[in-house]
């Protein structure tokens, strides 16, 4: 079976970014073993590439081949989130302990942590899938709508992904009950079917200039993380019913999506994407500094991503320097 991957650098970037953002940047996978125990870190991170990286690569490849847009990528990202947290590591059904914490009981019913399931499904759709694809496209815009893998590569990548999911499912234990498994399989199938059915221009930017500033875009990008932190605070205090917290979280996500669709135009789109991505990442930098700084090396990871954002900004400026120059004033009427 022939395996062809072209171009290699964007593929490698996506394979690395997909696990690095949700694992290294959040502290879920500490970076310290890279120095203290590099073999253990390499094995752990390769497994994460086999889960996150292959999932993101398969979703990106489907979108390119089927000419689908961000709506389909987000839906498939949600399906990925269910596969990881529901079918692989089983946190949807974990009633206590790390990482679910208080959400193992707040919003738990019928054997499922519903609020955790909602939050993590959205988190993986955005931070584990859409954001790495977005950053990779900004870094390597050439051929962003073209396939990167041949048929043999797709089969190999899919086989790795399925094998890693199955391995986690066997090793983790405490899996779903048969009714819960059937429910999430049905949701998974519905998400995939909807992603395949949606037109490629769903959620496409409207023509013309954007009608929102850079700060507004960054704030829109931060809404998901901000809403999730608010949910965690509410859950700890049990100040409102869990269903109300879930509705508020969903509304915050929809508000961010509506803001982008209504206000971002096709002009200077790469810069709009970069500012939105910056808004998604900066709250994680703040979180790392305020609450995760005890994890050795995590501030270094945040610094690497900050440098990446600056590098992308300069790369975009070099591609489109005309946008940096002020628009000359229109001439007045001739005397």
C-alpha atoms as a PDB file:
ATOM      1  CA  UNK A   1       0.000   0.000   0.000  1.00  0.00           C
ATOM      2  CA  UNK A   2       1.495   3.319  -1.124  1.00  0.00           C
ATOM      3  CA  UNK A   3       1.644   6.121   1.465  1.00  0.00           C
ATOM      4  CA  UNK A   4       2.162   9.676   0.254  1.00  0.00           C
ATOM      5  CA  UNK A   5       2.036  12.784   2.429  1.00  0.00           C
ATOM      6  CA  UNK A   6       2.386  16.178   0.765  1.00  0.00           C
ATOM      7  CA  UNK A   7       3.293  18.758   2.026  1.00  0.00           C
ATOM      8  CA  UNK A   8       5.079  17.408   5.085  1.00  0.00           C
ATOM      9  CA  UNK A   9       5.640  20.570   7.181  1.00  0.00           C
ATOM     10  CA  UNK A  10       1.947  21.517   7.515  1.00  0.00           C
ATOM     11  CA  UNK A  11       1.102  17.896   8.377  1.00  0.00           C
ATOM     12  CA  UNK A  12       3.798  17.829  11.053  1.00  0.00           C
ATOM     13  CA  UNK A  13       2.637  21.201  12.432  1.00  0.00           C
ATOM     14  CA  UNK A  14      -0.948  20.003  12.764  1.00  0.00           C
ATOM     15  CA  UNK A  15       0.083  16.694  14.338  1.00  0.00           C
ATOM     16  CA  UNK A  16       2.056  18.599  16.999  1.00  0.00           C
ATOM     17  CA  UNK A  17      -0.346  21.507  17.605  1.00  0.00           C
ATOM     18  CA  UNK A  18      -3.430  19.335  18.076  1.00  0.00           C
ATOM     19  CA  UNK A  19      -2.165  17.669  21.285  1.00  0.00           C
ATOM     20  CA  UNK A  20       0.069  20.550  22.420  1.00  0.00           C
ATOM     21  CA  UNK A  21      -2.764  23.042  22.945  1.00  0.00           C
ATOM     22  CA  UNK A  22      -5.175  20.920  25.042  1.00  0.00           C
ATOM     23  CA  UNK A  23      -2.465  18.919  26.826  1.00  0.00           C
ATOM     24  CA  UNK A  24       0.779  20.883  27.221  1.00  0.00           C
ATOM     25  CA  UNK A  25      -0.684  24.379  27.375  1.00  0.00           C
ATOM     26  CA  UNK A  26      -3.328  23.433  29.950  1.00  0.00           C
ATOM     27  CA  UNK A  27      -0.875  21.440  32.084  1.00  0.00           C
ATOM     28  CA  UNK A  28      -2.784  18.186  31.606  1.00  0.00           C
ATOM     29  CA  UNK A  29       0.483  16.739  30.318  1.00  0.00           C
ATOM     30  CA  UNK A  30       3.413  18.365  32.167  1.00  0.00           C
ATOM     31  CA  UNK A  31       6.397  19.298  30.009  1.00  0.00           C
ATOM     32  CA  UNK A  32       8.915  18.502  32.787  1.00  0.00           C
ATOM     33  CA  UNK A  33       9.432  14.816  31.838  1.00  0.00           C
ATOM     34  CA  UNK A  34      10.818  16.035  28.497  1.00  0.00           C
ATOM     35  CA  UNK A  35      13.993  16.829  30.466  1.00  0.00           C
ATOM     36  CA  UNK A  36      13.750  14.502  33.487  1.00  0.00           C
ATOM     37  CA  UNK A  37      12.424  11.397  31.721  1.00  0.00           C
ATOM     38  CA  UNK A  38      12.456  11.968  27.964  1.00  0.00           C
ATOM     39  CA  UNK A  39      11.564   8.386  27.087  1.00  0.00           C
ATOM     40  CA  UNK A  40       8.375   8.453  29.172  1.00  0.00           C
ATOM     41  CA  UNK A  41       7.468  11.858  27.757  1.00  0.00           C
ATOM     42  CA  UNK A  42       8.081  10.665  24.191  1.00  0.00           C
ATOM     43  CA  UNK A  43       5.833   7.636  24.648  1.00  0.00           C
ATOM     44  CA  UNK A  44       3.092   9.746  26.278  1.00  0.00           C
ATOM     45  CA  UNK A  45       3.222  12.467  23.657  1.00  0.00           C
ATOM     46  CA  UNK A  46       3.287   9.989  20.779  1.00  0.00           C
ATOM     47  CA  UNK A  47       0.080   8.462  22.151  1.00  0.00           C
ATOM     48  CA  UNK A  48      -1.437  11.951  22.280  1.00  0.00           C
ATOM     49  CA  UNK A  49      -0.381  12.575  18.693  1.00  0.00           C
ATOM     50  CA  UNK A  50      -2.008   9.254  17.836  1.00  0.00           C
ATOM     51  CA  UNK A  51      -5.232  10.526  19.402  1.00  0.00           C
ATOM     52  CA  UNK A  52      -5.400  14.298  18.896  1.00  0.00           C
ATOM     53  CA  UNK A  53      -3.082  14.694  15.927  1.00  0.00           C
ATOM     54  CA  UNK A  54      -4.539  11.957  13.768  1.00  0.00           C
ATOM     55  CA  UNK A  55      -8.081  13.089  14.616  1.00  0.00           C
ATOM     56  CA  UNK A  56      -7.353  16.674  13.570  1.00  0.00           C
ATOM     57  CA  UNK A  57      -5.550  15.518  10.433  1.00  0.00           C
ATOM     58  CA  UNK A  58      -8.435  13.262   9.360  1.00  0.00           C
ATOM     59  CA  UNK A  59     -10.987  16.035   9.936  1.00  0.00           C
ATOM     60  CA  UNK A  60      -8.887  18.559   8.014  1.00  0.00           C
ATOM     61  CA  UNK A  61      -8.444  16.067   5.174  1.00  0.00           C
ATOM     62  CA  UNK A  62     -12.186  15.373   4.978  1.00  0.00           C
ATOM     63  CA  UNK A  63     -12.924  19.112   4.864  1.00  0.00           C
ATOM     64  CA  UNK A  64     -10.391  19.635   2.062  1.00  0.00           C
ATOM     65  CA  UNK A  65     -11.571  16.709  -0.051  1.00  0.00           C
ATOM     66  CA  UNK A  66     -15.291  17.393   0.418  1.00  0.00           C
ATOM     67  CA  UNK A  67     -14.839  21.182   0.148  1.00  0.00           C
ATOM     68  CA  UNK A  68     -16.390  21.769   3.551  1.00  0.00           C
ATOM     69  CA  UNK A  69     -15.982  24.804   5.775  1.00  0.00           C
ATOM     70  CA  UNK A  70     -15.704  25.655   9.453  1.00  0.00           C
ATOM     71  CA  UNK A  71     -19.236  24.499  10.276  1.00  0.00           C
ATOM     72  CA  UNK A  72     -18.365  20.929   9.255  1.00  0.00           C
ATOM     73  CA  UNK A  73     -14.981  21.106  10.996  1.00  0.00           C
ATOM     74  CA  UNK A  74     -16.634  22.175  14.260  1.00  0.00           C
ATOM     75  CA  UNK A  75     -19.264  19.440  14.032  1.00  0.00           C
ATOM     76  CA  UNK A  76     -16.639  16.788  13.349  1.00  0.00           C
ATOM     77  CA  UNK A  77     -14.562  18.287  16.168  1.00  0.00           C
ATOM     78  CA  UNK A  78     -17.537  17.776  18.489  1.00  0.00           C
ATOM     79  CA  UNK A  79     -17.747  14.168  17.278  1.00  0.00           C
ATOM     80  CA  UNK A  80     -14.040  13.848  18.040  1.00  0.00           C
ATOM     81  CA  UNK A  81     -14.624  15.215  21.561  1.00  0.00           C
ATOM     82  CA  UNK A  82     -17.282  12.582  22.216  1.00  0.00           C
ATOM     83  CA  UNK A  83     -15.005   9.857  20.875  1.00  0.00           C
ATOM     84  CA  UNK A  84     -12.117  10.935  23.109  1.00  0.00           C
ATOM     85  CA  UNK A  85     -13.894  11.697  26.366  1.00  0.00           C
ATOM     86  CA  UNK A  86     -16.780   9.264  25.932  1.00  0.00           C
ATOM     87  CA  UNK A  87     -15.347   6.265  24.134  1.00  0.00           C
ATOM     88  CA  UNK A  88     -11.594   6.467  24.851  1.00  0.00           C
ATOM     89  CA  UNK A  89     -10.892   7.902  28.315  1.00  0.00           C
ATOM     90  CA  UNK A  90     -14.490   7.667  29.620  1.00  0.00           C
ATOM     91  CA  UNK A  91     -14.522  10.917  31.597  1.00  0.00           C
ATOM     92  CA  UNK A  92     -18.178  11.465  30.613  1.00  0.00           C
ATOM     93  CA  UNK A  93     -19.044   8.699  33.079  1.00  0.00           C
ATOM     94  CA  UNK A  94     -16.527   9.414  35.862  1.00  0.00           C
ATOM     95  CA  UNK A  95     -18.215  10.463  39.098  1.00  0.00           C
ATOM     96  CA  UNK A  96     -15.176  11.764  41.024  1.00  0.00           C
ATOM     97  CA  UNK A  97     -11.484  12.533  40.879  1.00  0.00           C
ATOM     98  CA  UNK A  98      -9.306  14.194  38.272  1.00  0.00           C
ATOM     99  CA  UNK A  99     -10.112  15.628  35.810  1.00  0.00           C
ATOM    100  CA  UNK A 100     -13.890  15.921  36.335  1.00  0.00           C
ATOM    101  CA  UNK A 101     -13.725  17.181  39.933  1.00  0.00           C
ATOM    102  CA  UNK A 102     -16.990  18.677  41.143  1.00  0.00           C
ATOM    103  CA  UNK A 103     -18.551  18.180  37.701  1.00  0.00           C
ATOM    104  CA  UNK A 104     -18.631  14.466  38.443  1.00  0.00           C
ATOM    105  CA  UNK A 105     -21.646  15.152  40.650  1.00  0.00           C
ATOM    106  CA  UNK A 106     -22.856  18.609  39.558  1.00  0.00           C
ATOM    107  CA  UNK A 107     -24.919  17.848  36.481  1.00  0.00           C
ATOM    108  CA  UNK A 108     -24.600  14.065  36.795  1.00  0.00           C
ATOM    109  CA  UNK A 109     -27.665  12.011  35.862  1.00  0.00           C
ATOM    110  CA  UNK A 110     -28.326   8.574  34.363  1.00  0.00           C
ATOM    111  CA  UNK A 111     -24.642   7.676  34.650  1.00  0.00           C
ATOM    112  CA  UNK A 112     -23.427  10.683  32.626  1.00  0.00           C
ATOM    113  CA  UNK A 113     -21.680  13.921  33.663  1.00  0.00           C
ATOM    114  CA  UNK A 114     -23.794  16.061  31.340  1.00  0.00           C
ATOM    115  CA  UNK A 115     -22.264  19.452  32.073  1.00  0.00           C
ATOM    116  CA  UNK A 116     -18.751  18.062  31.784  1.00  0.00           C
ATOM    117  CA  UNK A 117     -19.757  16.283  28.556  1.00  0.00           C
ATOM    118  CA  UNK A 118     -21.103  19.515  27.056  1.00  0.00           C
ATOM    119  CA  UNK A 119     -18.066  21.569  28.048  1.00  0.00           C
ATOM    120  CA  UNK A 120     -15.483  19.035  26.914  1.00  0.00           C
ATOM    121  CA  UNK A 121     -17.248  18.337  23.631  1.00  0.00           C
ATOM    122  CA  UNK A 122     -17.129  22.046  22.787  1.00  0.00           C
ATOM    123  CA  UNK A 123     -13.570  22.377  24.121  1.00  0.00           C
ATOM    124  CA  UNK A 124     -12.271  19.603  21.881  1.00  0.00           C
ATOM    125  CA  UNK A 125     -14.202  20.893  18.867  1.00  0.00           C
ATOM    126  CA  UNK A 126     -12.580  24.308  19.249  1.00  0.00           C
ATOM    127  CA  UNK A 127      -9.240  23.968  21.050  1.00  0.00           C
ATOM    128  CA  UNK A 128      -8.230  20.440  19.997  1.00  0.00           C
ATOM    129  CA  UNK A 129      -9.448  20.503  16.380  1.00  0.00           C
ATOM    130  CA  UNK A 130     -10.494  23.887  14.941  1.00  0.00           C
ATOM    131  CA  UNK A 131      -7.759  26.028  16.543  1.00  0.00           C
ATOM    132  CA  UNK A 132      -4.821  23.801  15.481  1.00  0.00           C
ATOM    133  CA  UNK A 133      -6.230  23.670  11.937  1.00  0.00           C
ATOM    134  CA  UNK A 134      -6.655  27.445  11.934  1.00  0.00           C
ATOM    135  CA  UNK A 135      -3.098  28.099  13.169  1.00  0.00           C
ATOM    136  CA  UNK A 136      -1.669  25.633  10.653  1.00  0.00           C
ATOM    137  CA  UNK A 137      -3.549  27.325   7.809  1.00  0.00           C
ATOM    138  CA  UNK A 138      -2.253  30.732   8.904  1.00  0.00           C
ATOM    139  CA  UNK A 139       1.313  29.412   8.965  1.00  0.00           C
ATOM    140  CA  UNK A 140       1.033  27.486   5.681  1.00  0.00           C
ATOM    141  CA  UNK A 141      -1.679  29.113   3.539  1.00  0.00           C
ATOM    142  CA  UNK A 142      -0.457  27.512   0.329  1.00  0.00           C
ATOM    143  CA  UNK A 143      -2.809  24.735  -0.649  1.00  0.00           C
ATOM    144  CA  UNK A 144      -4.907  25.022   2.503  1.00  0.00           C
ATOM    145  CA  UNK A 145      -7.926  23.753   0.587  1.00  0.00           C
ATOM    146  CA  UNK A 146      -6.042  20.888  -1.079  1.00  0.00           C
ATOM    147  CA  UNK A 147      -5.704  17.296   0.144  1.00  0.00           C
ATOM    148  CA  UNK A 148      -2.483  16.457   1.971  1.00  0.00           C
ATOM    149  CA  UNK A 149      -2.809  12.664   2.093  1.00  0.00           C
ATOM    150  CA  UNK A 150      -3.296   9.954  -0.498  1.00  0.00           C
ATOM    151  CA  UNK A 151      -5.616   6.999   0.018  1.00  0.00           C
ATOM    152  CA  UNK A 152      -2.989   4.844   1.675  1.00  0.00           C
ATOM    153  CA  UNK A 153      -2.066   7.606   4.120  1.00  0.00           C
ATOM    154  CA  UNK A 154      -5.698   8.122   5.099  1.00  0.00           C
ATOM    155  CA  UNK A 155      -6.101   4.414   5.843  1.00  0.00           C
ATOM    156  CA  UNK A 156      -2.892   4.390   7.913  1.00  0.00           C
ATOM    157  CA  UNK A 157      -3.799   7.517   9.891  1.00  0.00           C
ATOM    158  CA  UNK A 158      -7.343   6.253  10.515  1.00  0.00           C
ATOM    159  CA  UNK A 159      -5.985   2.882  11.674  1.00  0.00           C
ATOM    160  CA  UNK A 160      -3.663   4.606  14.166  1.00  0.00           C
ATOM    161  CA  UNK A 161      -6.516   6.737  15.486  1.00  0.00           C
ATOM    162  CA  UNK A 162      -8.888   3.780  15.955  1.00  0.00           C
ATOM    163  CA  UNK A 163      -6.145   1.690  17.576  1.00  0.00           C
ATOM    164  CA  UNK A 164      -5.298   4.444  20.087  1.00  0.00           C
ATOM    165  CA  UNK A 165      -8.970   5.022  20.968  1.00  0.00           C
ATOM    166  CA  UNK A 166      -9.449   1.282  21.474  1.00  0.00           C
ATOM    167  CA  UNK A 167      -6.288   1.003  23.578  1.00  0.00           C
ATOM    168  CA  UNK A 168      -7.394   3.837  25.888  1.00  0.00           C
ATOM    169  CA  UNK A 169     -10.891   2.362  26.165  1.00  0.00           C
ATOM    170  CA  UNK A 170      -9.470  -0.991  27.274  1.00  0.00           C
ATOM    171  CA  UNK A 171      -6.917   0.441  29.698  1.00  0.00           C
ATOM    172  CA  UNK A 172      -9.092   3.094  31.364  1.00  0.00           C
ATOM    173  CA  UNK A 173     -12.132   1.033  32.341  1.00  0.00           C
ATOM    174  CA  UNK A 174     -15.310   2.415  34.025  1.00  0.00           C
ATOM    175  CA  UNK A 175     -16.965   2.765  30.633  1.00  0.00           C
ATOM    176  CA  UNK A 176     -20.515   3.772  29.710  1.00  0.00           C
ATOM    177  CA  UNK A 177     -23.617   1.763  30.383  1.00  0.00           C
ATOM    178  CA  UNK A 178     -25.232   0.241  27.270  1.00  0.00           C
ATOM    179  CA  UNK A 179     -27.954   2.967  27.105  1.00  0.00           C
ATOM    180  CA  UNK A 180     -25.360   5.746  27.472  1.00  0.00           C
ATOM    181  CA  UNK A 181     -23.156   4.114  24.842  1.00  0.00           C
ATOM    182  CA  UNK A 182     -26.092   3.859  22.447  1.00  0.00           C
ATOM    183  CA  UNK A 183     -27.045   7.503  23.067  1.00  0.00           C
ATOM    184  CA  UNK A 184     -23.567   8.891  22.387  1.00  0.00           C
ATOM    185  CA  UNK A 185     -23.102   6.651  19.354  1.00  0.00           C
ATOM    186  CA  UNK A 186     -26.334   8.116  17.968  1.00  0.00           C
ATOM    187  CA  UNK A 187     -25.146  11.677  18.688  1.00  0.00           C
ATOM    188  CA  UNK A 188     -21.824  10.859  17.062  1.00  0.00           C
ATOM    189  CA  UNK A 189     -23.545   9.544  13.948  1.00  0.00           C
ATOM    190  CA  UNK A 190     -25.826  12.601  13.772  1.00  0.00           C
ATOM    191  CA  UNK A 191     -22.881  14.999  14.025  1.00  0.00           C
ATOM    192  CA  UNK A 192     -20.958  13.215  11.273  1.00  0.00           C
ATOM    193  CA  UNK A 193     -24.016  13.054   9.020  1.00  0.00           C
ATOM    194  CA  UNK A 194     -24.760  16.758   9.540  1.00  0.00           C
ATOM    195  CA  UNK A 195     -21.125  17.689   8.877  1.00  0.00           C
ATOM    196  CA  UNK A 196     -21.269  15.764   5.602  1.00  0.00           C
ATOM    197  CA  UNK A 197     -24.605  17.310   4.583  1.00  0.00           C
ATOM    198  CA  UNK A 198     -23.851  20.961   5.303  1.00  0.00           C
ATOM    199  CA  UNK A 199     -22.786  23.109   2.341  1.00  0.00           C
ATOM    200  CA  UNK A 200     -19.196  24.225   2.200  1.00  0.00           C
ATOM    201  CA  UNK A 201     -20.083  27.880   2.639  1.00  0.00           C
ATOM    202  CA  UNK A 202     -21.869  27.395   5.979  1.00  0.00           C
ATOM    203  CA  UNK A 203     -20.405  29.925   8.438  1.00  0.00           C
ATOM    204  CA  UNK A 204     -18.445  31.503   5.590  1.00  0.00           C
ATOM    205  CA  UNK A 205     -17.381  35.095   6.169  1.00  0.00           C
ATOM    206  CA  UNK A 206     -19.552  37.674   4.455  1.00  0.00           C
ATOM    207  CA  UNK A 207     -17.943  39.737   1.670  1.00  0.00           C
ATOM    208  CA  UNK A 208     -16.345  43.057   2.543  1.00  0.00           C
ATOM    209  CA  UNK A 209     -14.478  44.532   5.506  1.00  0.00           C
ATOM    210  CA  UNK A 210     -14.911  43.364   9.066  1.00  0.00           C
ATOM    211  CA  UNK A 211     -17.170  45.361  11.346  1.00  0.00           C
ATOM    212  CA  UNK A 212     -15.418  44.508  14.573  1.00  0.00           C
ATOM    213  CA  UNK A 213     -12.074  45.641  15.944  1.00  0.00           C
ATOM    214  CA  UNK A 214      -9.109  43.530  16.955  1.00  0.00           C
ATOM    215  CA  UNK A 215      -9.964  43.754  20.645  1.00  0.00           C
ATOM    216  CA  UNK A 216     -13.557  42.766  19.922  1.00  0.00           C
ATOM    217  CA  UNK A 217     -12.368  39.730  17.964  1.00  0.00           C
ATOM    218  CA  UNK A 218     -10.029  38.713  20.768  1.00  0.00           C
ATOM    219  CA  UNK A 219     -12.829  39.062  23.318  1.00  0.00           C
ATOM    220  CA  UNK A 220     -15.094  36.917  21.120  1.00  0.00           C
ATOM    221  CA  UNK A 221     -12.351  34.289  20.972  1.00  0.00           C
ATOM    222  CA  UNK A 222     -12.045  34.317  24.762  1.00  0.00           C
ATOM    223  CA  UNK A 223     -15.768  33.783  25.404  1.00  0.00           C
ATOM    224  CA  UNK A 224     -15.626  29.990  25.490  1.00  0.00           C
ATOM    225  CA  UNK A 225     -12.839  29.768  28.059  1.00  0.00           C
ATOM    226  CA  UNK A 226     -14.327  32.598  30.121  1.00  0.00           C
ATOM    227  CA  UNK A 227     -17.736  30.889  30.148  1.00  0.00           C
ATOM    228  CA  UNK A 228     -16.152  27.572  31.169  1.00  0.00           C
ATOM    229  CA  UNK A 229     -14.339  29.187  34.089  1.00  0.00           C
ATOM    230  CA  UNK A 230     -17.643  30.767  35.168  1.00  0.00           C
ATOM    231  CA  UNK A 231     -19.263  27.318  35.033  1.00  0.00           C
ATOM    232  CA  UNK A 232     -16.511  25.872  37.235  1.00  0.00           C
ATOM    233  CA  UNK A 233     -17.006  28.673  39.777  1.00  0.00           C
ATOM    234  CA  UNK A 234     -20.776  28.173  39.788  1.00  0.00           C
ATOM    235  CA  UNK A 235     -20.326  24.402  40.073  1.00  0.00           C
ATOM    236  CA  UNK A 236     -18.058  24.769  43.096  1.00  0.00           C
ATOM    237  CA  UNK A 237     -20.600  27.012  44.835  1.00  0.00           C
ATOM    238  CA  UNK A 238     -23.613  25.110  43.442  1.00  0.00           C
ATOM    239  CA  UNK A 239     -25.205  28.534  43.126  1.00  0.00           C
ATOM    240  CA  UNK A 240     -27.588  27.614  40.305  1.00  0.00           C
ATOM    241  CA  UNK A 241     -28.973  24.351  38.930  1.00  0.00           C
ATOM    242  CA  UNK A 242     -26.579  22.560  36.621  1.00  0.00           C
ATOM    243  CA  UNK A 243     -29.004  22.775  33.712  1.00  0.00           C
ATOM    244  CA  UNK A 244     -28.971  26.582  33.992  1.00  0.00           C
ATOM    245  CA  UNK A 245     -25.166  26.572  33.891  1.00  0.00           C
ATOM    246  CA  UNK A 246     -25.267  24.351  30.808  1.00  0.00           C
ATOM    247  CA  UNK A 247     -27.693  26.674  29.032  1.00  0.00           C
ATOM    248  CA  UNK A 248     -25.522  29.689  29.886  1.00  0.00           C
ATOM    249  CA  UNK A 249     -22.448  27.902  28.525  1.00  0.00           C
ATOM    250  CA  UNK A 250     -24.242  27.027  25.283  1.00  0.00           C
ATOM    251  CA  UNK A 251     -25.494  30.603  24.884  1.00  0.00           C
ATOM    252  CA  UNK A 252     -21.974  31.978  25.334  1.00  0.00           C
ATOM    253  CA  UNK A 253     -20.697  29.669  22.595  1.00  0.00           C
ATOM    254  CA  UNK A 254     -23.515  30.686  20.254  1.00  0.00           C
ATOM    255  CA  UNK A 255     -22.919  34.371  20.999  1.00  0.00           C
ATOM    256  CA  UNK A 256     -19.252  34.075  20.015  1.00  0.00           C
ATOM    257  CA  UNK A 257     -20.194  32.216  16.840  1.00  0.00           C
ATOM    258  CA  UNK A 258     -22.898  34.730  15.913  1.00  0.00           C
ATOM    259  CA  UNK A 259     -20.540  37.640  16.532  1.00  0.00           C
ATOM    260  CA  UNK A 260     -17.917  36.201  14.196  1.00  0.00           C
ATOM    261  CA  UNK A 261     -20.402  35.348  11.445  1.00  0.00           C
ATOM    262  CA  UNK A 262     -22.068  38.771  11.574  1.00  0.00           C
ATOM    263  CA  UNK A 263     -19.000  40.963  12.021  1.00  0.00           C
ATOM    264  CA  UNK A 264     -16.031  39.316  10.291  1.00  0.00           C
ATOM    265  CA  UNK A 265     -15.705  40.060   6.595  1.00  0.00           C
ATOM    266  CA  UNK A 266     -13.698  38.417   3.856  1.00  0.00           C
ATOM    267  CA  UNK A 267     -11.287  41.374   3.666  1.00  0.00           C
ATOM    268  CA  UNK A 268      -8.083  40.914   5.670  1.00  0.00           C
ATOM    269  CA  UNK A 269      -9.444  37.569   6.834  1.00  0.00           C
ATOM    270  CA  UNK A 270      -6.140  36.100   7.994  1.00  0.00           C
ATOM    271  CA  UNK A 271      -5.654  38.926  10.487  1.00  0.00           C
ATOM    272  CA  UNK A 272      -9.207  38.456  11.759  1.00  0.00           C
ATOM    273  CA  UNK A 273      -8.500  34.760  12.285  1.00  0.00           C
ATOM    274  CA  UNK A 274      -5.258  35.539  14.090  1.00  0.00           C
ATOM    275  CA  UNK A 275      -6.918  37.968  16.508  1.00  0.00           C
ATOM    276  CA  UNK A 276      -9.687  35.470  17.234  1.00  0.00           C
ATOM    277  CA  UNK A 277      -7.087  32.752  17.839  1.00  0.00           C
ATOM    278  CA  UNK A 278      -5.181  35.149  20.101  1.00  0.00           C
ATOM    279  CA  UNK A 279      -8.367  35.671  22.105  1.00  0.00           C
ATOM    280  CA  UNK A 280      -8.681  31.906  22.521  1.00  0.00           C
ATOM    281  CA  UNK A 281      -5.105  31.447  23.703  1.00  0.00           C
ATOM    282  CA  UNK A 282      -4.475  34.469  25.935  1.00  0.00           C
ATOM    283  CA  UNK A 283      -6.917  33.315  28.670  1.00  0.00           C
ATOM    284  CA  UNK A 284      -4.960  30.056  28.810  1.00  0.00           C
ATOM    285  CA  UNK A 285      -1.756  32.062  29.304  1.00  0.00           C
ATOM    286  CA  UNK A 286      -3.434  33.925  32.164  1.00  0.00           C
ATOM    287  CA  UNK A 287      -4.758  30.674  33.622  1.00  0.00           C
ATOM    288  CA  UNK A 288      -1.285  29.135  33.507  1.00  0.00           C
ATOM    289  CA  UNK A 289       0.248  32.119  35.265  1.00  0.00           C
ATOM    290  CA  UNK A 290      -2.467  32.417  37.915  1.00  0.00           C
ATOM    291  CA  UNK A 291      -3.327  28.798  38.724  1.00  0.00           C
ATOM    292  CA  UNK A 292      -0.909  26.381  37.031  1.00  0.00           C
ATOM    293  CA  UNK A 293       2.464  28.041  37.624  1.00  0.00           C
ATOM    294  CA  UNK A 294       3.309  25.311  40.154  1.00  0.00           C
ATOM    295  CA  UNK A 295       3.621  22.935  37.181  1.00  0.00           C
ATOM    296  CA  UNK A 296       7.284  23.207  36.151  1.00  0.00           C
ATOM    297  CA  UNK A 297       7.752  24.386  32.600  1.00  0.00           C
ATOM    298  CA  UNK A 298       4.174  25.419  31.874  1.00  0.00           C
ATOM    299  CA  UNK A 299       5.043  29.111  31.677  1.00  0.00           C
ATOM    300  CA  UNK A 300       7.666  28.176  29.120  1.00  0.00           C
ATOM    301  CA  UNK A 301       4.987  26.423  27.054  1.00  0.00           C
ATOM    302  CA  UNK A 302       2.820  29.545  27.255  1.00  0.00           C
ATOM    303  CA  UNK A 303       5.795  31.647  26.142  1.00  0.00           C
ATOM    304  CA  UNK A 304       6.340  29.379  23.128  1.00  0.00           C
ATOM    305  CA  UNK A 305       2.726  29.858  22.046  1.00  0.00           C
ATOM    306  CA  UNK A 306       2.989  33.622  22.588  1.00  0.00           C
ATOM    307  CA  UNK A 307       6.035  33.672  20.315  1.00  0.00           C
ATOM    308  CA  UNK A 308       4.099  31.574  17.786  1.00  0.00           C
ATOM    309  CA  UNK A 309       1.337  34.203  17.689  1.00  0.00           C
ATOM    310  CA  UNK A 310       3.888  36.974  17.160  1.00  0.00           C
ATOM    311  CA  UNK A 311       5.572  34.959  14.414  1.00  0.00           C
ATOM    312  CA  UNK A 312       2.252  34.399  12.673  1.00  0.00           C
ATOM    313  CA  UNK A 313       1.482  38.126  12.868  1.00  0.00           C
ATOM    314  CA  UNK A 314       4.780  38.973  11.195  1.00  0.00           C
ATOM    315  CA  UNK A 315       4.261  36.246   8.602  1.00  0.00           C
ATOM    316  CA  UNK A 316       0.842  37.655   7.722  1.00  0.00           C
ATOM    317  CA  UNK A 317       2.304  41.171   7.544  1.00  0.00           C
ATOM    318  CA  UNK A 318       4.927  39.974   5.059  1.00  0.00           C
ATOM    319  CA  UNK A 319       2.264  38.307   2.938  1.00  0.00           C
ATOM    320  CA  UNK A 320       0.070  41.396   2.877  1.00  0.00           C
ATOM    321  CA  UNK A 321       2.148  44.488   3.664  1.00  0.00           C
ATOM    322  CA  UNK A 322      -0.339  46.798   1.937  1.00  0.00           C
ATOM    323  CA  UNK A 323      -2.697  46.365   4.871  1.00  0.00           C
ATOM    324  CA  UNK A 324      -0.106  47.945   7.156  1.00  0.00           C
ATOM    325  CA  UNK A 325      -0.070  51.245   5.296  1.00  0.00           C
ATOM    326  CA  UNK A 326      -2.709  53.823   6.149  1.00  0.00           C
ATOM    327  CA  UNK A 327      -5.263  54.492   3.444  1.00  0.00           C
ATOM    328  CA  UNK A 328      -4.452  57.819   1.785  1.00  0.00           C
ATOM    329  CA  UNK A 329      -7.128  60.454   2.128  1.00  0.00           C
ATOM    330  CA  UNK A 330      -9.405  60.855  -0.835  1.00  0.00           C
ATOM    331  CA  UNK A 331      -8.679  64.004  -2.842  1.00  0.00           C
ATOM    332  CA  UNK A 332     -11.004  66.904  -2.278  1.00  0.00           C
ATOM    333  CA  UNK A 333     -12.984  68.585  -5.015  1.00  0.00           C
ATOM    334  CA  UNK A 334     -10.955  70.450  -7.551  1.00  0.00           C
ATOM    335  CA  UNK A 335     -11.181  74.210  -7.403  1.00  0.00           C
END
